[in-house]
């Protein structure tokens, strides 16, 4: 159950991050739904890497010696931050690549 809640938190944060990046950077030539979906995927990846609650097993947390399991406040904040950064980053990269393909 914790895994599903973590994935939902990461996906929502990633979609928000992707939406914000897509709005701020006008060269990201993606439709809104595409930005949100790409952001959600990036959020799951980024949140999993940072918090250890996602499918990647917490690479950063494992390197720091933190097990990263559970839904305490620190892990939730890490999931939100990692999700938003991952979602925004993947949306930005996807927008740049899409812009390059159009030229």
N, C-alpha and C. Protein backbone atom coordinates (compact mmCIF):
# COMPACT_ATOMS: atom_id res chain seq x y z
N UNK A 1 0.82 -1.20 0.00
CA UNK A 1 0.00 0.00 0.00
C UNK A 1 0.86 1.26 0.00
N UNK A 2 1.97 1.21 0.75
CA UNK A 2 2.85 2.37 0.79
C UNK A 2 3.41 2.68 -0.59
N UNK A 3 3.70 1.64 -1.34
CA UNK A 3 4.28 1.81 -2.68
C UNK A 3 3.30 2.55 -3.59
N UNK A 4 2.03 2.19 -3.53
CA UNK A 4 1.02 2.83 -4.38
C UNK A 4 0.86 4.30 -4.00
N UNK A 5 0.80 4.58 -2.71
CA UNK A 5 0.67 5.96 -2.24
C UNK A 5 1.89 6.77 -2.68
N UNK A 6 3.06 6.19 -2.56
CA UNK A 6 4.29 6.87 -2.98
C UNK A 6 4.27 7.18 -4.47
N UNK A 7 3.86 6.21 -5.27
CA UNK A 7 3.80 6.43 -6.72
C UNK A 7 2.80 7.52 -7.08
N UNK A 8 1.69 7.56 -6.38
CA UNK A 8 0.68 8.60 -6.64
C UNK A 8 1.24 9.97 -6.29
N UNK A 9 1.90 10.08 -5.14
CA UNK A 9 2.50 11.35 -4.72
C UNK A 9 3.53 11.79 -5.75
N UNK A 10 4.39 10.89 -6.17
CA UNK A 10 5.44 11.21 -7.13
C UNK A 10 4.86 11.61 -8.48
N UNK A 11 3.82 10.91 -8.94
CA UNK A 11 3.21 11.22 -10.23
C UNK A 11 2.53 12.58 -10.21
N UNK A 12 1.84 12.89 -9.13
CA UNK A 12 1.17 14.19 -9.03
C UNK A 12 2.20 15.32 -8.97
N UNK A 13 3.25 15.13 -8.17
CA UNK A 13 4.29 16.15 -8.09
C UNK A 13 5.01 16.30 -9.43
N UNK A 14 5.24 15.20 -10.11
CA UNK A 14 5.88 15.25 -11.42
C UNK A 14 5.02 15.94 -12.47
N UNK A 15 3.72 15.66 -12.44
CA UNK A 15 2.80 16.33 -13.37
C UNK A 15 2.78 17.83 -13.10
N UNK A 16 2.80 18.20 -11.83
CA UNK A 16 2.85 19.63 -11.49
C UNK A 16 4.16 20.26 -11.97
N UNK A 17 5.26 19.59 -11.73
CA UNK A 17 6.55 20.09 -12.18
C UNK A 17 6.61 20.20 -13.70
N UNK A 18 6.10 19.20 -14.39
CA UNK A 18 6.07 19.23 -15.85
C UNK A 18 5.18 20.33 -16.39
N UNK A 19 4.05 20.54 -15.73
CA UNK A 19 3.15 21.62 -16.15
C UNK A 19 3.77 22.99 -15.95
N UNK A 20 4.47 23.16 -14.84
CA UNK A 20 5.12 24.44 -14.57
C UNK A 20 6.24 24.70 -15.56
N UNK A 21 7.09 23.71 -15.79
CA UNK A 21 8.19 23.88 -16.75
C UNK A 21 7.64 24.16 -18.15
N UNK A 22 6.61 23.44 -18.53
CA UNK A 22 6.02 23.66 -19.85
C UNK A 22 5.41 25.03 -20.01
N UNK A 23 4.89 25.59 -18.92
CA UNK A 23 4.31 26.93 -18.96
C UNK A 23 5.40 28.00 -18.97
N UNK A 24 6.44 27.79 -18.19
CA UNK A 24 7.50 28.79 -18.09
C UNK A 24 8.38 28.84 -19.33
N UNK A 25 8.64 27.70 -19.91
CA UNK A 25 9.50 27.64 -21.09
C UNK A 25 8.60 27.51 -22.31
N UNK A 26 8.45 28.58 -23.03
CA UNK A 26 7.53 28.59 -24.17
C UNK A 26 8.03 27.74 -25.33
N UNK A 27 9.32 27.42 -25.35
CA UNK A 27 9.85 26.60 -26.44
C UNK A 27 9.48 25.13 -26.29
N UNK A 28 8.96 24.75 -25.11
CA UNK A 28 8.49 23.38 -24.93
C UNK A 28 7.19 23.26 -25.71
N UNK A 29 7.28 22.77 -26.93
CA UNK A 29 6.14 22.74 -27.83
C UNK A 29 5.26 21.54 -27.63
N UNK A 30 4.88 21.26 -26.39
CA UNK A 30 4.03 20.11 -26.10
C UNK A 30 2.64 20.59 -25.72
N UNK A 31 1.67 19.76 -25.99
CA UNK A 31 0.33 20.04 -25.53
C UNK A 31 0.27 19.83 -24.02
N UNK A 32 -0.74 20.37 -23.39
CA UNK A 32 -0.85 20.30 -21.93
C UNK A 32 -0.89 18.87 -21.43
N UNK A 33 -1.68 18.03 -22.05
CA UNK A 33 -1.80 16.65 -21.57
C UNK A 33 -0.47 15.92 -21.73
N UNK A 34 0.27 16.21 -22.79
CA UNK A 34 1.57 15.58 -22.99
C UNK A 34 2.55 16.01 -21.91
N UNK A 35 2.54 17.31 -21.58
CA UNK A 35 3.41 17.81 -20.51
C UNK A 35 3.11 17.13 -19.19
N UNK A 36 1.82 16.95 -18.91
CA UNK A 36 1.44 16.34 -17.63
C UNK A 36 1.82 14.87 -17.57
N UNK A 37 1.63 14.15 -18.66
CA UNK A 37 1.97 12.72 -18.68
C UNK A 37 3.48 12.53 -18.60
N UNK A 38 4.23 13.29 -19.38
CA UNK A 38 5.69 13.19 -19.33
C UNK A 38 6.18 13.61 -17.95
N UNK A 39 5.57 14.65 -17.39
CA UNK A 39 5.93 15.08 -16.04
C UNK A 39 5.64 14.01 -15.00
N UNK A 40 4.52 13.31 -15.12
CA UNK A 40 4.19 12.25 -14.17
C UNK A 40 5.19 11.11 -14.24
N UNK A 41 5.59 10.74 -15.45
CA UNK A 41 6.59 9.68 -15.61
C UNK A 41 7.92 10.12 -15.01
N UNK A 42 8.32 11.35 -15.31
CA UNK A 42 9.55 11.88 -14.73
C UNK A 42 9.47 12.00 -13.22
N UNK A 43 8.29 12.30 -12.72
CA UNK A 43 8.09 12.38 -11.27
C UNK A 43 8.26 11.04 -10.58
N UNK A 44 7.76 10.00 -11.20
CA UNK A 44 7.92 8.66 -10.62
C UNK A 44 9.40 8.26 -10.63
N UNK A 45 10.08 8.58 -11.72
CA UNK A 45 11.51 8.25 -11.78
C UNK A 45 12.29 9.08 -10.76
N UNK A 46 12.09 10.39 -10.79
CA UNK A 46 12.83 11.27 -9.87
C UNK A 46 12.50 11.03 -8.42
N UNK A 47 11.24 10.83 -8.11
CA UNK A 47 10.85 10.56 -6.73
C UNK A 47 11.38 9.24 -6.23
N UNK A 48 11.42 8.24 -7.12
CA UNK A 48 11.96 6.95 -6.73
C UNK A 48 13.44 6.99 -6.47
N UNK A 49 14.15 7.77 -7.28
CA UNK A 49 15.60 7.89 -7.09
C UNK A 49 15.91 8.58 -5.78
N UNK A 50 15.18 9.64 -5.48
CA UNK A 50 15.48 10.44 -4.28
C UNK A 50 15.00 9.76 -3.00
N UNK A 51 13.76 9.29 -2.99
CA UNK A 51 13.17 8.84 -1.74
C UNK A 51 13.35 7.37 -1.43
N UNK A 52 13.57 6.56 -2.43
CA UNK A 52 13.69 5.13 -2.20
C UNK A 52 12.36 4.42 -2.19
N UNK A 53 11.27 5.15 -2.42
CA UNK A 53 9.95 4.53 -2.37
C UNK A 53 9.45 4.11 -3.74
N UNK A 54 10.17 4.45 -4.78
CA UNK A 54 9.72 4.15 -6.13
C UNK A 54 10.33 2.88 -6.68
N UNK A 55 10.09 2.64 -7.95
CA UNK A 55 10.56 1.39 -8.56
C UNK A 55 12.08 1.30 -8.70
N UNK A 56 12.80 2.40 -8.58
CA UNK A 56 14.25 2.35 -8.71
C UNK A 56 14.95 2.01 -7.41
N UNK A 57 14.22 1.89 -6.35
CA UNK A 57 14.79 1.42 -5.10
C UNK A 57 15.60 2.43 -4.32
N UNK A 58 15.51 3.68 -4.63
CA UNK A 58 16.17 4.71 -3.85
C UNK A 58 17.67 4.74 -3.97
N UNK A 59 18.15 5.02 -5.16
CA UNK A 59 19.59 5.02 -5.38
C UNK A 59 20.29 6.05 -4.51
N UNK A 60 19.73 7.24 -4.44
CA UNK A 60 20.35 8.30 -3.64
C UNK A 60 20.27 7.96 -2.15
N UNK A 61 19.12 7.49 -1.71
CA UNK A 61 18.97 7.13 -0.30
C UNK A 61 19.86 5.97 0.09
N UNK A 62 20.01 5.01 -0.79
CA UNK A 62 20.87 3.86 -0.50
C UNK A 62 22.33 4.28 -0.40
N UNK A 63 22.75 5.20 -1.25
CA UNK A 63 24.13 5.68 -1.19
C UNK A 63 24.38 6.47 0.09
N UNK A 64 23.34 7.10 0.60
CA UNK A 64 23.48 7.88 1.82
C UNK A 64 23.32 7.01 3.07
N UNK A 65 22.96 5.74 2.89
CA UNK A 65 22.81 4.84 4.02
C UNK A 65 21.42 4.87 4.63
N UNK A 66 20.45 5.48 3.93
CA UNK A 66 19.08 5.59 4.42
C UNK A 66 18.24 4.53 3.74
N UNK A 67 17.48 3.79 4.53
CA UNK A 67 16.62 2.76 3.96
C UNK A 67 15.50 3.38 3.14
N UNK A 68 14.96 4.53 3.55
CA UNK A 68 13.99 5.26 2.77
C UNK A 68 12.62 4.63 2.68
N UNK A 69 12.27 3.75 3.60
CA UNK A 69 10.96 3.13 3.53
C UNK A 69 10.01 3.85 4.47
N UNK A 70 8.73 3.69 4.18
CA UNK A 70 7.72 4.29 5.03
C UNK A 70 7.18 5.58 4.46
N UNK A 71 6.15 6.09 5.13
CA UNK A 71 5.51 7.30 4.68
C UNK A 71 5.60 8.38 5.76
N UNK A 72 6.76 8.54 6.34
CA UNK A 72 6.92 9.62 7.30
C UNK A 72 7.07 10.94 6.55
N UNK A 73 7.03 12.04 7.27
CA UNK A 73 7.01 13.35 6.65
C UNK A 73 8.27 13.61 5.81
N UNK A 74 9.41 13.16 6.26
CA UNK A 74 10.64 13.36 5.50
C UNK A 74 10.61 12.67 4.16
N UNK A 75 10.10 11.44 4.12
CA UNK A 75 10.01 10.71 2.86
C UNK A 75 8.97 11.32 1.93
N UNK A 76 7.87 11.80 2.48
CA UNK A 76 6.85 12.43 1.64
C UNK A 76 7.40 13.70 1.00
N UNK A 77 8.12 14.50 1.78
CA UNK A 77 8.73 15.71 1.23
C UNK A 77 9.75 15.36 0.16
N UNK A 78 10.54 14.31 0.40
CA UNK A 78 11.52 13.87 -0.60
C UNK A 78 10.82 13.40 -1.87
N UNK A 79 9.71 12.71 -1.73
CA UNK A 79 8.96 12.24 -2.90
C UNK A 79 8.40 13.41 -3.70
N UNK A 80 7.88 14.41 -3.00
CA UNK A 80 7.33 15.58 -3.68
C UNK A 80 8.45 16.35 -4.39
N UNK A 81 9.55 16.59 -3.69
CA UNK A 81 10.65 17.34 -4.30
C UNK A 81 11.26 16.57 -5.47
N UNK A 82 11.54 15.30 -5.26
CA UNK A 82 12.12 14.49 -6.33
C UNK A 82 11.17 14.35 -7.51
N UNK A 83 9.88 14.21 -7.20
CA UNK A 83 8.88 14.11 -8.26
C UNK A 83 8.78 15.38 -9.08
N UNK A 84 8.75 16.52 -8.41
CA UNK A 84 8.64 17.79 -9.12
C UNK A 84 9.89 18.06 -9.96
N UNK A 85 11.05 17.79 -9.40
CA UNK A 85 12.30 18.00 -10.14
C UNK A 85 12.40 17.02 -11.31
N UNK A 86 12.09 15.75 -11.06
CA UNK A 86 12.14 14.76 -12.13
C UNK A 86 11.13 15.05 -13.23
N UNK A 87 9.92 15.44 -12.85
CA UNK A 87 8.89 15.75 -13.84
C UNK A 87 9.23 16.98 -14.66
N UNK A 88 9.72 18.01 -13.98
CA UNK A 88 10.12 19.21 -14.70
C UNK A 88 11.30 18.96 -15.61
N UNK A 89 12.26 18.20 -15.12
CA UNK A 89 13.44 17.90 -15.92
C UNK A 89 13.12 17.09 -17.15
N UNK A 90 12.32 16.04 -16.99
CA UNK A 90 11.98 15.21 -18.14
C UNK A 90 11.13 15.98 -19.14
N UNK A 91 10.24 16.82 -18.67
CA UNK A 91 9.43 17.64 -19.57
C UNK A 91 10.31 18.62 -20.33
N UNK A 92 11.25 19.24 -19.63
CA UNK A 92 12.17 20.16 -20.31
C UNK A 92 13.00 19.47 -21.37
N UNK A 93 13.54 18.31 -21.03
CA UNK A 93 14.35 17.55 -21.99
C UNK A 93 13.48 17.11 -23.18
N UNK A 94 12.29 16.62 -22.88
CA UNK A 94 11.38 16.21 -23.96
C UNK A 94 10.99 17.38 -24.86
N UNK A 95 10.78 18.54 -24.26
CA UNK A 95 10.45 19.72 -25.06
C UNK A 95 11.60 20.17 -25.95
N UNK A 96 12.80 20.10 -25.41
CA UNK A 96 13.97 20.47 -26.20
C UNK A 96 14.12 19.50 -27.37
N UNK A 97 14.00 18.22 -27.10
CA UNK A 97 14.12 17.22 -28.17
C UNK A 97 13.01 17.37 -29.21
N UNK A 98 11.80 17.65 -28.76
CA UNK A 98 10.69 17.85 -29.69
C UNK A 98 10.93 19.09 -30.55
N UNK A 99 11.47 20.14 -29.94
CA UNK A 99 11.79 21.35 -30.69
C UNK A 99 12.87 21.12 -31.72
N UNK A 100 13.84 20.29 -31.39
CA UNK A 100 14.92 19.98 -32.32
C UNK A 100 14.40 19.13 -33.49
N UNK A 101 13.43 18.27 -33.21
CA UNK A 101 12.89 17.41 -34.26
C UNK A 101 12.08 18.21 -35.27
N UNK A 102 11.45 19.31 -34.82
CA UNK A 102 10.62 20.12 -35.70
C UNK A 102 11.44 20.93 -36.69
N UNK A 103 12.69 21.21 -36.33
CA UNK A 103 13.51 22.07 -37.19
C UNK A 103 14.09 21.32 -38.33
